[in-house]
Amino acid sequence: MSAPSPEALERSRGQDSFERDVDEFVSYLGGVRHLSPNTVRAYREDLLAFLGWARREGVVPARLTHRELRSYLLELTRAGYCARTVSRHLSALRGMFRWMLREGRCDSAAVAAVASPKLSRTLPNTMSDSDAAALLETCSGEDPVALRDRAFLELLYACGARISEVSRLDVADVDFRQGQLRLFGKGAKERIVPVYRSALERVDAYLGTGRPQLVRPGRSADALFLSTRGNRMSSDALRTVFERRVAEARLDPSLTPHAMRHTFATELLGGGADLRSVQELLGHESLSTTQVYTHLSVERLKEAARRAHPRS
């Protein structure tokens, strides 16, 4: 068998170097930026998927071209990935290459290659107020689980929190006197959000008669939302609660906890809140992330016009 050519050896070394860079980058995400383990794991999986493609196609990641990146994104699309998943892969690559540039591990041309593609942005899924009311009505009982689930859903609707942020809530993070909630978002960034009175009343009812029945000695004494075994409820556990309540309300099964967050943002903008305020309440680093809700509000106005106008 003939020895690999110098070009092949160089490509292999470049790919191996990228694999080591991935390990360092995800360590940076967890150790310096304090991203959640689930987010770090998703970054790693997406970047290693790209590396696998680069090895198959003979691409040196640090010298990535715009055409090569387009080929990779096309392969993801042909494999049946939805636009949101493709966008997530691209976002992981952008973060990785910006970090590599700062560390001197690639040049600006490679960063420009991953920065240039524009993917279509789908409007987020939201709920109507009647949908939200139907969802909340599934928790009409007075048992500890019903009280807990009602408080959980009320908070989602009241403050637009991410499911991971709700999972991390402690009892001390609810300020009843000031009518506000302390959330810890991405990168362990703290923000204070106001909560309307009826939501606080549901949380108070849960704390008064529901949560004491869920507390177990030696378990999560500080956590706001507890499982029937007395443990802090994880994001997955809360997501399961949400999905079960959606099914009970006979709503669209594709609805997720994030739909509550999207609804919160859309209702605020529709009610006259300015974009910067909504950005702060959602904990978005970039205003461009929040701007998608302005498009959603326009779509709702168009739909209202189509339904109401006699010539529509």
C-alpha atoms as a PDB file:
ATOM      1  CA  MET A   1       0.000   0.000   0.000  1.00  0.00           C
ATOM      2  CA  SER A   2       1.400   3.395  -1.010  1.00  0.00           C
ATOM      3  CA  ALA A   3       2.147   5.989   1.627  1.00  0.00           C
ATOM      4  CA  PRO A   4      -0.284   8.906   2.007  1.00  0.00           C
ATOM      5  CA  SER A   5       0.611  11.974  -0.022  1.00  0.00           C
ATOM      6  CA  PRO A   6       1.926  15.083   1.753  1.00  0.00           C
ATOM      7  CA  GLU A   7      -1.375  16.809   1.013  1.00  0.00           C
ATOM      8  CA  ALA A   8      -3.336  13.969   2.625  1.00  0.00           C
ATOM      9  CA  LEU A   9      -1.106  14.044   5.695  1.00  0.00           C
ATOM     10  CA  GLU A  10      -1.571  17.794   6.004  1.00  0.00           C
ATOM     11  CA  ARG A  11      -5.364  17.442   5.793  1.00  0.00           C
ATOM     12  CA  SER A  12      -5.318  14.716   8.428  1.00  0.00           C
ATOM     13  CA  ARG A  13      -3.199  16.832  10.781  1.00  0.00           C
ATOM     14  CA  GLY A  14      -5.543  19.782  10.288  1.00  0.00           C
ATOM     15  CA  GLN A  15      -8.578  17.627  11.095  1.00  0.00           C
ATOM     16  CA  ASP A  16      -6.901  16.143  14.185  1.00  0.00           C
ATOM     17  CA  SER A  17      -5.992  19.652  15.328  1.00  0.00           C
ATOM     18  CA  PHE A  18      -9.625  20.733  14.943  1.00  0.00           C
ATOM     19  CA  GLU A  19     -10.753  17.800  17.089  1.00  0.00           C
ATOM     20  CA  ARG A  20      -8.432  18.959  19.882  1.00  0.00           C
ATOM     21  CA  ASP A  21      -9.734  22.502  19.413  1.00  0.00           C
ATOM     22  CA  VAL A  22     -13.292  21.240  19.856  1.00  0.00           C
ATOM     23  CA  ASP A  23     -12.337  19.710  23.216  1.00  0.00           C
ATOM     24  CA  GLU A  24     -10.804  22.994  24.370  1.00  0.00           C
ATOM     25  CA  PHE A  25     -13.698  25.076  23.052  1.00  0.00           C
ATOM     26  CA  VAL A  26     -16.397  23.086  24.859  1.00  0.00           C
ATOM     27  CA  SER A  27     -14.291  23.229  28.037  1.00  0.00           C
ATOM     28  CA  TYR A  28     -14.231  27.008  27.625  1.00  0.00           C
ATOM     29  CA  LEU A  29     -18.032  27.062  27.179  1.00  0.00           C
ATOM     30  CA  GLY A  30     -18.574  25.135  30.391  1.00  0.00           C
ATOM     31  CA  GLY A  31     -15.763  26.530  32.531  1.00  0.00           C
ATOM     32  CA  VAL A  32     -15.629  30.196  31.462  1.00  0.00           C
ATOM     33  CA  ARG A  33     -19.027  30.998  29.963  1.00  0.00           C
ATOM     34  CA  HIS A  34     -20.822  28.684  32.431  1.00  0.00           C
ATOM     35  CA  LEU A  35     -23.203  27.256  29.835  1.00  0.00           C
ATOM     36  CA  SER A  36     -25.363  24.367  30.990  1.00  0.00           C
ATOM     37  CA  PRO A  37     -24.121  20.773  30.542  1.00  0.00           C
ATOM     38  CA  ASN A  38     -26.911  20.134  28.016  1.00  0.00           C
ATOM     39  CA  THR A  39     -25.859  23.144  25.923  1.00  0.00           C
ATOM     40  CA  VAL A  40     -22.188  22.170  26.061  1.00  0.00           C
ATOM     41  CA  ARG A  41     -23.033  18.625  25.016  1.00  0.00           C
ATOM     42  CA  ALA A  42     -25.118  19.912  22.076  1.00  0.00           C
ATOM     43  CA  TYR A  43     -22.217  22.114  20.915  1.00  0.00           C
ATOM     44  CA  ARG A  44     -19.834  19.168  21.048  1.00  0.00           C
ATOM     45  CA  GLU A  45     -22.156  16.863  19.115  1.00  0.00           C
ATOM     46  CA  ASP A  46     -22.758  19.443  16.390  1.00  0.00           C
ATOM     47  CA  LEU A  47     -19.057  20.280  16.014  1.00  0.00           C
ATOM     48  CA  LEU A  48     -18.048  16.624  15.876  1.00  0.00           C
ATOM     49  CA  ALA A  49     -20.714  16.044  13.227  1.00  0.00           C
ATOM     50  CA  PHE A  50     -19.043  18.763  11.154  1.00  0.00           C
ATOM     51  CA  LEU A  51     -15.626  17.193  11.769  1.00  0.00           C
ATOM     52  CA  GLY A  52     -16.928  13.836  10.552  1.00  0.00           C
ATOM     53  CA  TRP A  53     -18.086  15.490   7.338  1.00  0.00           C
ATOM     54  CA  ALA A  54     -14.744  17.303   6.976  1.00  0.00           C
ATOM     55  CA  ARG A  55     -12.858  13.992   7.233  1.00  0.00           C
ATOM     56  CA  ARG A  56     -15.090  12.383   4.592  1.00  0.00           C
ATOM     57  CA  GLU A  57     -14.738  15.314   2.219  1.00  0.00           C
ATOM     58  CA  GLY A  58     -11.056  16.017   2.826  1.00  0.00           C
ATOM     59  CA  VAL A  59     -11.710  19.500   4.211  1.00  0.00           C
ATOM     60  CA  VAL A  60      -9.277  21.259   6.557  1.00  0.00           C
ATOM     61  CA  PRO A  61     -11.582  23.080   9.040  1.00  0.00           C
ATOM     62  CA  ALA A  62      -9.170  25.929   9.818  1.00  0.00           C
ATOM     63  CA  ARG A  63      -9.103  26.771   6.086  1.00  0.00           C
ATOM     64  CA  LEU A  64     -12.838  26.376   5.525  1.00  0.00           C
ATOM     65  CA  THR A  65     -14.234  28.164   2.482  1.00  0.00           C
ATOM     66  CA  HIS A  66     -17.702  29.541   1.870  1.00  0.00           C
ATOM     67  CA  ARG A  67     -18.340  26.895  -0.798  1.00  0.00           C
ATOM     68  CA  GLU A  68     -17.310  24.079   1.543  1.00  0.00           C
ATOM     69  CA  LEU A  69     -19.592  25.357   4.270  1.00  0.00           C
ATOM     70  CA  ARG A  70     -22.481  25.564   1.805  1.00  0.00           C
ATOM     71  CA  SER A  71     -21.824  21.939   0.859  1.00  0.00           C
ATOM     72  CA  TYR A  72     -22.002  20.911   4.509  1.00  0.00           C
ATOM     73  CA  LEU A  73     -25.254  22.764   5.134  1.00  0.00           C
ATOM     74  CA  LEU A  74     -26.717  21.241   1.981  1.00  0.00           C
ATOM     75  CA  GLU A  75     -25.806  17.764   3.226  1.00  0.00           C
ATOM     76  CA  LEU A  76     -27.624  18.453   6.505  1.00  0.00           C
ATOM     77  CA  THR A  77     -30.697  19.613   4.594  1.00  0.00           C
ATOM     78  CA  ARG A  78     -30.655  16.568   2.313  1.00  0.00           C
ATOM     79  CA  ALA A  79     -30.364  14.349   5.396  1.00  0.00           C
ATOM     80  CA  GLY A  80     -33.778  15.618   6.478  1.00  0.00           C
ATOM     81  CA  TYR A  81     -32.787  18.056   9.214  1.00  0.00           C
ATOM     82  CA  CYS A  82     -35.246  20.910   9.767  1.00  0.00           C
ATOM     83  CA  ALA A  83     -34.179  24.522   9.245  1.00  0.00           C
ATOM     84  CA  ARG A  84     -33.925  25.119  12.992  1.00  0.00           C
ATOM     85  CA  THR A  85     -31.495  22.202  13.436  1.00  0.00           C
ATOM     86  CA  VAL A  86     -29.369  23.353  10.490  1.00  0.00           C
ATOM     87  CA  SER A  87     -29.311  26.835  11.994  1.00  0.00           C
ATOM     88  CA  ARG A  88     -28.163  25.376  15.325  1.00  0.00           C
ATOM     89  CA  HIS A  89     -25.259  23.561  13.621  1.00  0.00           C
ATOM     90  CA  LEU A  90     -24.271  26.785  11.889  1.00  0.00           C
ATOM     91  CA  SER A  91     -24.463  28.715  15.161  1.00  0.00           C
ATOM     92  CA  ALA A  92     -22.128  26.209  16.824  1.00  0.00           C
ATOM     93  CA  LEU A  93     -19.623  26.612  14.002  1.00  0.00           C
ATOM     94  CA  ARG A  94     -19.778  30.400  14.209  1.00  0.00           C
ATOM     95  CA  GLY A  95     -19.038  30.339  17.921  1.00  0.00           C
ATOM     96  CA  MET A  96     -16.215  27.849  17.433  1.00  0.00           C
ATOM     97  CA  PHE A  97     -14.534  29.782  14.626  1.00  0.00           C
ATOM     98  CA  ARG A  98     -14.764  33.112  16.461  1.00  0.00           C
ATOM     99  CA  TRP A  99     -13.043  31.462  19.415  1.00  0.00           C
ATOM    100  CA  MET A 100     -10.409  29.937  17.120  1.00  0.00           C
ATOM    101  CA  LEU A 101      -9.692  33.348  15.622  1.00  0.00           C
ATOM    102  CA  ARG A 102      -9.171  34.870  19.079  1.00  0.00           C
ATOM    103  CA  GLU A 103      -6.850  31.984  19.943  1.00  0.00           C
ATOM    104  CA  GLY A 104      -4.908  32.357  16.688  1.00  0.00           C
ATOM    105  CA  ARG A 105      -5.956  28.931  15.368  1.00  0.00           C
ATOM    106  CA  CYS A 106      -7.545  30.066  12.118  1.00  0.00           C
ATOM    107  CA  ASP A 107      -7.575  33.182   9.952  1.00  0.00           C
ATOM    108  CA  SER A 108     -10.302  35.722   9.323  1.00  0.00           C
ATOM    109  CA  ALA A 109     -11.213  34.128   5.980  1.00  0.00           C
ATOM    110  CA  ALA A 110     -12.522  30.996   7.711  1.00  0.00           C
ATOM    111  CA  VAL A 111     -14.516  33.126  10.168  1.00  0.00           C
ATOM    112  CA  ALA A 112     -15.983  35.099   7.257  1.00  0.00           C
ATOM    113  CA  ALA A 113     -17.012  31.828   5.610  1.00  0.00           C
ATOM    114  CA  VAL A 114     -19.157  30.758   8.569  1.00  0.00           C
ATOM    115  CA  ALA A 115     -20.478  34.273   9.191  1.00  0.00           C
ATOM    116  CA  SER A 116     -21.874  34.847   5.701  1.00  0.00           C
ATOM    117  CA  PRO A 117     -24.641  32.249   5.093  1.00  0.00           C
ATOM    118  CA  LYS A 118     -28.143  33.519   5.853  1.00  0.00           C
ATOM    119  CA  LEU A 119     -30.779  30.941   6.708  1.00  0.00           C
ATOM    120  CA  SER A 120     -34.497  31.600   6.615  1.00  0.00           C
ATOM    121  CA  ARG A 121     -35.838  32.306  10.067  1.00  0.00           C
ATOM    122  CA  THR A 122     -39.055  30.567  11.036  1.00  0.00           C
ATOM    123  CA  LEU A 123     -41.499  32.351  13.275  1.00  0.00           C
ATOM    124  CA  PRO A 124     -41.735  30.844  16.758  1.00  0.00           C
ATOM    125  CA  ASN A 125     -44.774  28.872  17.797  1.00  0.00           C
ATOM    126  CA  THR A 126     -47.063  30.707  20.229  1.00  0.00           C
ATOM    127  CA  MET A 127     -50.248  30.092  22.171  1.00  0.00           C
ATOM    128  CA  SER A 128     -53.447  32.080  22.245  1.00  0.00           C
ATOM    129  CA  ASP A 129     -54.755  33.396  25.537  1.00  0.00           C
ATOM    130  CA  SER A 130     -57.576  30.846  25.380  1.00  0.00           C
ATOM    131  CA  ASP A 131     -55.005  28.061  24.904  1.00  0.00           C
ATOM    132  CA  ALA A 132     -53.102  29.280  27.947  1.00  0.00           C
ATOM    133  CA  ALA A 133     -56.325  29.437  29.956  1.00  0.00           C
ATOM    134  CA  ALA A 134     -57.225  25.872  28.953  1.00  0.00           C
ATOM    135  CA  LEU A 135     -53.759  24.710  29.945  1.00  0.00           C
ATOM    136  CA  LEU A 136     -53.996  26.355  33.357  1.00  0.00           C
ATOM    137  CA  GLU A 137     -57.455  24.901  33.960  1.00  0.00           C
ATOM    138  CA  THR A 138     -56.008  21.365  33.853  1.00  0.00           C
ATOM    139  CA  CYS A 139     -54.452  22.155  37.252  1.00  0.00           C
ATOM    140  CA  SER A 140     -57.673  23.036  39.045  1.00  0.00           C
ATOM    141  CA  GLY A 141     -57.242  20.549  41.909  1.00  0.00           C
ATOM    142  CA  GLU A 142     -56.018  21.288  45.421  1.00  0.00           C
ATOM    143  CA  ASP A 143     -53.618  18.347  45.743  1.00  0.00           C
ATOM    144  CA  PRO A 144     -49.859  19.105  45.979  1.00  0.00           C
ATOM    145  CA  VAL A 145     -49.106  18.144  42.347  1.00  0.00           C
ATOM    146  CA  ALA A 146     -51.949  20.260  40.940  1.00  0.00           C
ATOM    147  CA  LEU A 147     -50.883  23.243  43.057  1.00  0.00           C
ATOM    148  CA  ARG A 148     -47.278  22.802  41.949  1.00  0.00           C
ATOM    149  CA  ASP A 149     -48.126  22.442  38.265  1.00  0.00           C
ATOM    150  CA  ARG A 150     -50.428  25.490  38.329  1.00  0.00           C
ATOM    151  CA  ALA A 151     -47.711  27.602  39.965  1.00  0.00           C
ATOM    152  CA  PHE A 152     -45.164  26.347  37.414  1.00  0.00           C
ATOM    153  CA  LEU A 153     -47.375  27.139  34.412  1.00  0.00           C
ATOM    154  CA  GLU A 154     -48.411  30.512  35.812  1.00  0.00           C
ATOM    155  CA  LEU A 155     -44.774  31.527  36.206  1.00  0.00           C
ATOM    156  CA  LEU A 156     -43.943  30.434  32.660  1.00  0.00           C
ATOM    157  CA  TYR A 157     -46.765  32.578  31.338  1.00  0.00           C
ATOM    158  CA  ALA A 158     -46.048  35.495  33.665  1.00  0.00           C
ATOM    159  CA  CYS A 159     -42.331  36.057  33.083  1.00  0.00           C
ATOM    160  CA  GLY A 160     -41.266  34.287  29.872  1.00  0.00           C
ATOM    161  CA  ALA A 161     -38.592  32.241  31.641  1.00  0.00           C
ATOM    162  CA  ARG A 162     -36.709  29.426  29.986  1.00  0.00           C
ATOM    163  CA  ILE A 163     -37.533  25.974  31.337  1.00  0.00           C
ATOM    164  CA  SER A 164     -33.955  25.630  32.628  1.00  0.00           C
ATOM    165  CA  GLU A 165     -34.313  28.912  34.518  1.00  0.00           C
ATOM    166  CA  VAL A 166     -37.506  27.716  36.199  1.00  0.00           C
ATOM    167  CA  SER A 167     -35.783  24.474  37.174  1.00  0.00           C
ATOM    168  CA  ARG A 168     -33.012  26.434  38.917  1.00  0.00           C
ATOM    169  CA  LEU A 169     -35.413  28.581  40.950  1.00  0.00           C
ATOM    170  CA  ASP A 170     -35.130  28.484  44.729  1.00  0.00           C
ATOM    171  CA  VAL A 171     -37.866  29.567  47.115  1.00  0.00           C
ATOM    172  CA  ALA A 172     -35.766  32.625  48.021  1.00  0.00           C
ATOM    173  CA  ASP A 173     -35.786  33.778  44.384  1.00  0.00           C
ATOM    174  CA  VAL A 174     -39.476  34.737  44.635  1.00  0.00           C
ATOM    175  CA  ASP A 175     -39.900  38.224  46.100  1.00  0.00           C
ATOM    176  CA  PHE A 176     -43.571  38.555  47.031  1.00  0.00           C
ATOM    177  CA  ARG A 177     -43.151  42.015  48.561  1.00  0.00           C
ATOM    178  CA  GLN A 178     -41.645  43.517  45.399  1.00  0.00           C
ATOM    179  CA  GLY A 179     -43.688  41.322  43.046  1.00  0.00           C
ATOM    180  CA  GLN A 180     -40.662  40.011  41.182  1.00  0.00           C
ATOM    181  CA  LEU A 181     -38.574  36.950  40.417  1.00  0.00           C
ATOM    182  CA  ARG A 182     -34.819  36.438  40.258  1.00  0.00           C
ATOM    183  CA  LEU A 183     -33.749  34.292  37.310  1.00  0.00           C
ATOM    184  CA  PHE A 184     -30.346  32.907  36.370  1.00  0.00           C
ATOM    185  CA  GLY A 185     -30.087  32.632  32.607  1.00  0.00           C
ATOM    186  CA  LYS A 186     -27.453  31.542  30.116  1.00  0.00           C
ATOM    187  CA  GLY A 187     -23.911  32.103  31.304  1.00  0.00           C
ATOM    188  CA  ALA A 188     -25.191  32.317  34.920  1.00  0.00           C
ATOM    189  CA  LYS A 189     -26.411  35.862  34.224  1.00  0.00           C
ATOM    190  CA  GLU A 190     -28.888  37.142  36.771  1.00  0.00           C
ATOM    191  CA  ARG A 191     -31.940  39.207  35.883  1.00  0.00           C
ATOM    192  CA  ILE A 192     -34.975  40.438  37.784  1.00  0.00           C
ATOM    193  CA  VAL A 193     -38.400  40.172  36.142  1.00  0.00           C
ATOM    194  CA  PRO A 194     -41.763  41.434  37.407  1.00  0.00           C
ATOM    195  CA  VAL A 195     -44.555  38.931  38.064  1.00  0.00           C
ATOM    196  CA  TYR A 196     -48.253  39.824  38.089  1.00  0.00           C
ATOM    197  CA  ARG A 197     -50.298  39.327  41.252  1.00  0.00           C
ATOM    198  CA  SER A 198     -52.401  36.310  40.221  1.00  0.00           C
ATOM    199  CA  ALA A 199     -49.277  34.309  39.368  1.00  0.00           C
ATOM    200  CA  LEU A 200     -47.731  35.174  42.736  1.00  0.00           C
ATOM    201  CA  GLU A 201     -50.943  34.085  44.431  1.00  0.00           C
ATOM    202  CA  ARG A 202     -50.649  30.668  42.773  1.00  0.00           C
ATOM    203  CA  VAL A 203     -47.036  30.352  43.874  1.00  0.00           C
ATOM    204  CA  ASP A 204     -48.015  31.389  47.398  1.00  0.00           C
ATOM    205  CA  ALA A 205     -50.767  28.753  47.478  1.00  0.00           C
ATOM    206  CA  TYR A 206     -48.277  26.107  46.362  1.00  0.00           C
ATOM    207  CA  LEU A 207     -45.746  27.173  48.996  1.00  0.00           C
ATOM    208  CA  GLY A 208     -48.393  27.260  51.698  1.00  0.00           C
ATOM    209  CA  THR A 209     -50.143  23.904  51.241  1.00  0.00           C
ATOM    210  CA  GLY A 210     -48.618  22.038  48.314  1.00  0.00           C
ATOM    211  CA  ARG A 211     -44.852  22.160  48.633  1.00  0.00           C
ATOM    212  CA  PRO A 212     -44.744  21.215  52.373  1.00  0.00           C
ATOM    213  CA  GLN A 213     -46.288  17.857  51.427  1.00  0.00           C
ATOM    214  CA  LEU A 214     -43.571  17.258  48.808  1.00  0.00           C
ATOM    215  CA  VAL A 215     -40.586  18.051  51.041  1.00  0.00           C
ATOM    216  CA  ARG A 216     -38.522  15.045  52.109  1.00  0.00           C
ATOM    217  CA  PRO A 217     -35.839  15.073  54.854  1.00  0.00           C
ATOM    218  CA  GLY A 218     -32.354  15.531  53.446  1.00  0.00           C
ATOM    219  CA  ARG A 219     -33.571  16.384  49.945  1.00  0.00           C
ATOM    220  CA  SER A 220     -33.650  19.664  47.988  1.00  0.00           C
ATOM    221  CA  ALA A 221     -34.688  22.024  50.773  1.00  0.00           C
ATOM    222  CA  ASP A 222     -34.160  25.224  48.758  1.00  0.00           C
ATOM    223  CA  ALA A 223     -35.636  24.247  45.390  1.00  0.00           C
ATOM    224  CA  LEU A 224     -38.936  25.893  44.474  1.00  0.00           C
ATOM    225  CA  PHE A 225     -40.392  23.072  42.410  1.00  0.00           C
ATOM    226  CA  LEU A 226     -40.144  19.609  43.940  1.00  0.00           C
ATOM    227  CA  SER A 227     -40.977  16.192  42.568  1.00  0.00           C
ATOM    228  CA  THR A 228     -43.149  13.733  44.491  1.00  0.00           C
ATOM    229  CA  ARG A 229     -39.874  12.284  45.832  1.00  0.00           C
ATOM    230  CA  GLY A 230     -38.749  15.636  47.170  1.00  0.00           C
ATOM    231  CA  ASN A 231     -36.063  16.304  44.550  1.00  0.00           C
ATOM    232  CA  ARG A 232     -35.541  19.499  42.571  1.00  0.00           C
ATOM    233  CA  MET A 233     -37.396  19.070  39.304  1.00  0.00           C
ATOM    234  CA  SER A 234     -35.062  19.046  36.314  1.00  0.00           C
ATOM    235  CA  SER A 235     -35.794  20.753  33.004  1.00  0.00           C
ATOM    236  CA  ASP A 236     -36.812  17.394  31.554  1.00  0.00           C
ATOM    237  CA  ALA A 237     -39.168  16.701  34.459  1.00  0.00           C
ATOM    238  CA  LEU A 238     -40.837  20.102  34.076  1.00  0.00           C
ATOM    239  CA  ARG A 239     -41.062  19.597  30.320  1.00  0.00           C
ATOM    240  CA  THR A 240     -42.840  16.283  30.942  1.00  0.00           C
ATOM    241  CA  VAL A 241     -45.328  18.071  33.203  1.00  0.00           C
ATOM    242  CA  PHE A 242     -45.972  20.634  30.483  1.00  0.00           C
ATOM    243  CA  GLU A 243     -46.503  17.981  27.803  1.00  0.00           C
ATOM    244  CA  ARG A 244     -48.902  16.051  30.040  1.00  0.00           C
ATOM    245  CA  ARG A 245     -50.960  19.164  30.747  1.00  0.00           C
ATOM    246  CA  VAL A 246     -51.018  20.054  27.042  1.00  0.00           C
ATOM    247  CA  ALA A 247     -52.413  16.596  26.309  1.00  0.00           C
ATOM    248  CA  GLU A 248     -55.041  16.968  29.045  1.00  0.00           C
ATOM    249  CA  ALA A 249     -56.105  20.333  27.602  1.00  0.00           C
ATOM    250  CA  ARG A 250     -56.274  18.757  24.117  1.00  0.00           C
ATOM    251  CA  LEU A 251     -54.021  21.424  22.661  1.00  0.00           C
ATOM    252  CA  ASP A 252     -51.576  21.132  19.783  1.00  0.00           C
ATOM    253  CA  PRO A 253     -49.086  18.424  20.884  1.00  0.00           C
ATOM    254  CA  SER A 254     -46.242  20.318  19.201  1.00  0.00           C
ATOM    255  CA  LEU A 255     -46.491  23.063  21.854  1.00  0.00           C
ATOM    256  CA  THR A 256     -43.467  23.241  24.141  1.00  0.00           C
ATOM    257  CA  PRO A 257     -42.610  25.283  27.252  1.00  0.00           C
ATOM    258  CA  HIS A 258     -40.783  27.664  24.933  1.00  0.00           C
ATOM    259  CA  ALA A 259     -44.142  28.487  23.331  1.00  0.00           C
ATOM    260  CA  MET A 260     -45.074  30.154  26.636  1.00  0.00           C
ATOM    261  CA  ARG A 261     -41.897  32.247  26.380  1.00  0.00           C
ATOM    262  CA  HIS A 262     -42.706  33.182  22.789  1.00  0.00           C
ATOM    263  CA  THR A 263     -46.265  34.069  23.783  1.00  0.00           C
ATOM    264  CA  PHE A 264     -45.005  36.246  26.652  1.00  0.00           C
ATOM    265  CA  ALA A 265     -42.761  38.231  24.292  1.00  0.00           C
ATOM    266  CA  THR A 266     -45.393  38.594  21.591  1.00  0.00           C
ATOM    267  CA  GLU A 267     -48.057  39.773  24.026  1.00  0.00           C
ATOM    268  CA  LEU A 268     -45.701  42.395  25.479  1.00  0.00           C
ATOM    269  CA  LEU A 269     -44.812  43.805  22.060  1.00  0.00           C
ATOM    270  CA  GLY A 270     -48.443  43.702  20.989  1.00  0.00           C
ATOM    271  CA  GLY A 271     -49.343  45.617  24.146  1.00  0.00           C
ATOM    272  CA  GLY A 272     -46.890  48.418  23.358  1.00  0.00           C
ATOM    273  CA  ALA A 273     -43.713  47.376  25.196  1.00  0.00           C
ATOM    274  CA  ASP A 274     -40.501  48.579  23.551  1.00  0.00           C
ATOM    275  CA  LEU A 275     -38.052  46.097  22.082  1.00  0.00           C
ATOM    276  CA  ARG A 276     -35.241  46.887  24.534  1.00  0.00           C
ATOM    277  CA  SER A 277     -37.459  46.172  27.533  1.00  0.00           C
ATOM    278  CA  VAL A 278     -38.550  42.847  26.071  1.00  0.00           C
ATOM    279  CA  GLN A 279     -34.904  42.007  25.388  1.00  0.00           C
ATOM    280  CA  GLU A 280     -34.060  42.623  29.051  1.00  0.00           C
ATOM    281  CA  LEU A 281     -37.006  40.598  30.311  1.00  0.00           C
ATOM    282  CA  LEU A 282     -36.140  37.637  28.084  1.00  0.00           C
ATOM    283  CA  GLY A 283     -32.424  37.782  28.902  1.00  0.00           C
ATOM    284  CA  HIS A 284     -31.335  37.993  25.265  1.00  0.00           C
ATOM    285  CA  GLU A 285     -27.757  39.086  24.689  1.00  0.00           C
ATOM    286  CA  SER A 286     -28.508  40.396  21.206  1.00  0.00           C
ATOM    287  CA  LEU A 287     -31.401  42.614  20.196  1.00  0.00           C
ATOM    288  CA  SER A 288     -31.563  40.777  16.865  1.00  0.00           C
ATOM    289  CA  THR A 289     -32.715  37.664  18.733  1.00  0.00           C
ATOM    290  CA  THR A 290     -35.658  39.607  20.155  1.00  0.00           C
ATOM    291  CA  GLN A 291     -36.571  41.204  16.823  1.00  0.00           C
ATOM    292  CA  VAL A 292     -38.118  37.983  15.535  1.00  0.00           C
ATOM    293  CA  TYR A 293     -41.108  38.766  17.752  1.00  0.00           C
ATOM    294  CA  THR A 294     -41.748  42.017  15.892  1.00  0.00           C
ATOM    295  CA  HIS A 295     -42.229  39.954  12.730  1.00  0.00           C
ATOM    296  CA  LEU A 296     -44.545  37.644  14.636  1.00  0.00           C
ATOM    297  CA  SER A 297     -46.635  40.590  15.800  1.00  0.00           C
ATOM    298  CA  VAL A 298     -46.939  41.794  12.208  1.00  0.00           C
ATOM    299  CA  GLU A 299     -48.089  38.337  11.136  1.00  0.00           C
ATOM    300  CA  ARG A 300     -50.771  38.388  13.829  1.00  0.00           C
ATOM    301  CA  LEU A 301     -51.970  41.782  12.602  1.00  0.00           C
ATOM    302  CA  LYS A 302     -52.118  40.469   9.041  1.00  0.00           C
ATOM    303  CA  GLU A 303     -54.122  37.457  10.168  1.00  0.00           C
ATOM    304  CA  ALA A 304     -56.525  39.674  12.106  1.00  0.00           C
ATOM    305  CA  ALA A 305     -56.977  41.864   9.045  1.00  0.00           C
ATOM    306  CA  ARG A 306     -57.614  38.848   6.810  1.00  0.00           C
ATOM    307  CA  ARG A 307     -60.311  37.609   9.184  1.00  0.00           C
ATOM    308  CA  ALA A 308     -62.009  40.958   9.806  1.00  0.00           C
ATOM    309  CA  HIS A 309     -61.822  42.799   6.485  1.00  0.00           C
ATOM    310  CA  PRO A 310     -64.877  42.209   4.249  1.00  0.00           C
ATOM    311  CA  ARG A 311     -62.706  42.062   1.094  1.00  0.00           C
ATOM    312  CA  SER A 312     -60.179  39.582   2.525  1.00  0.00           C
END
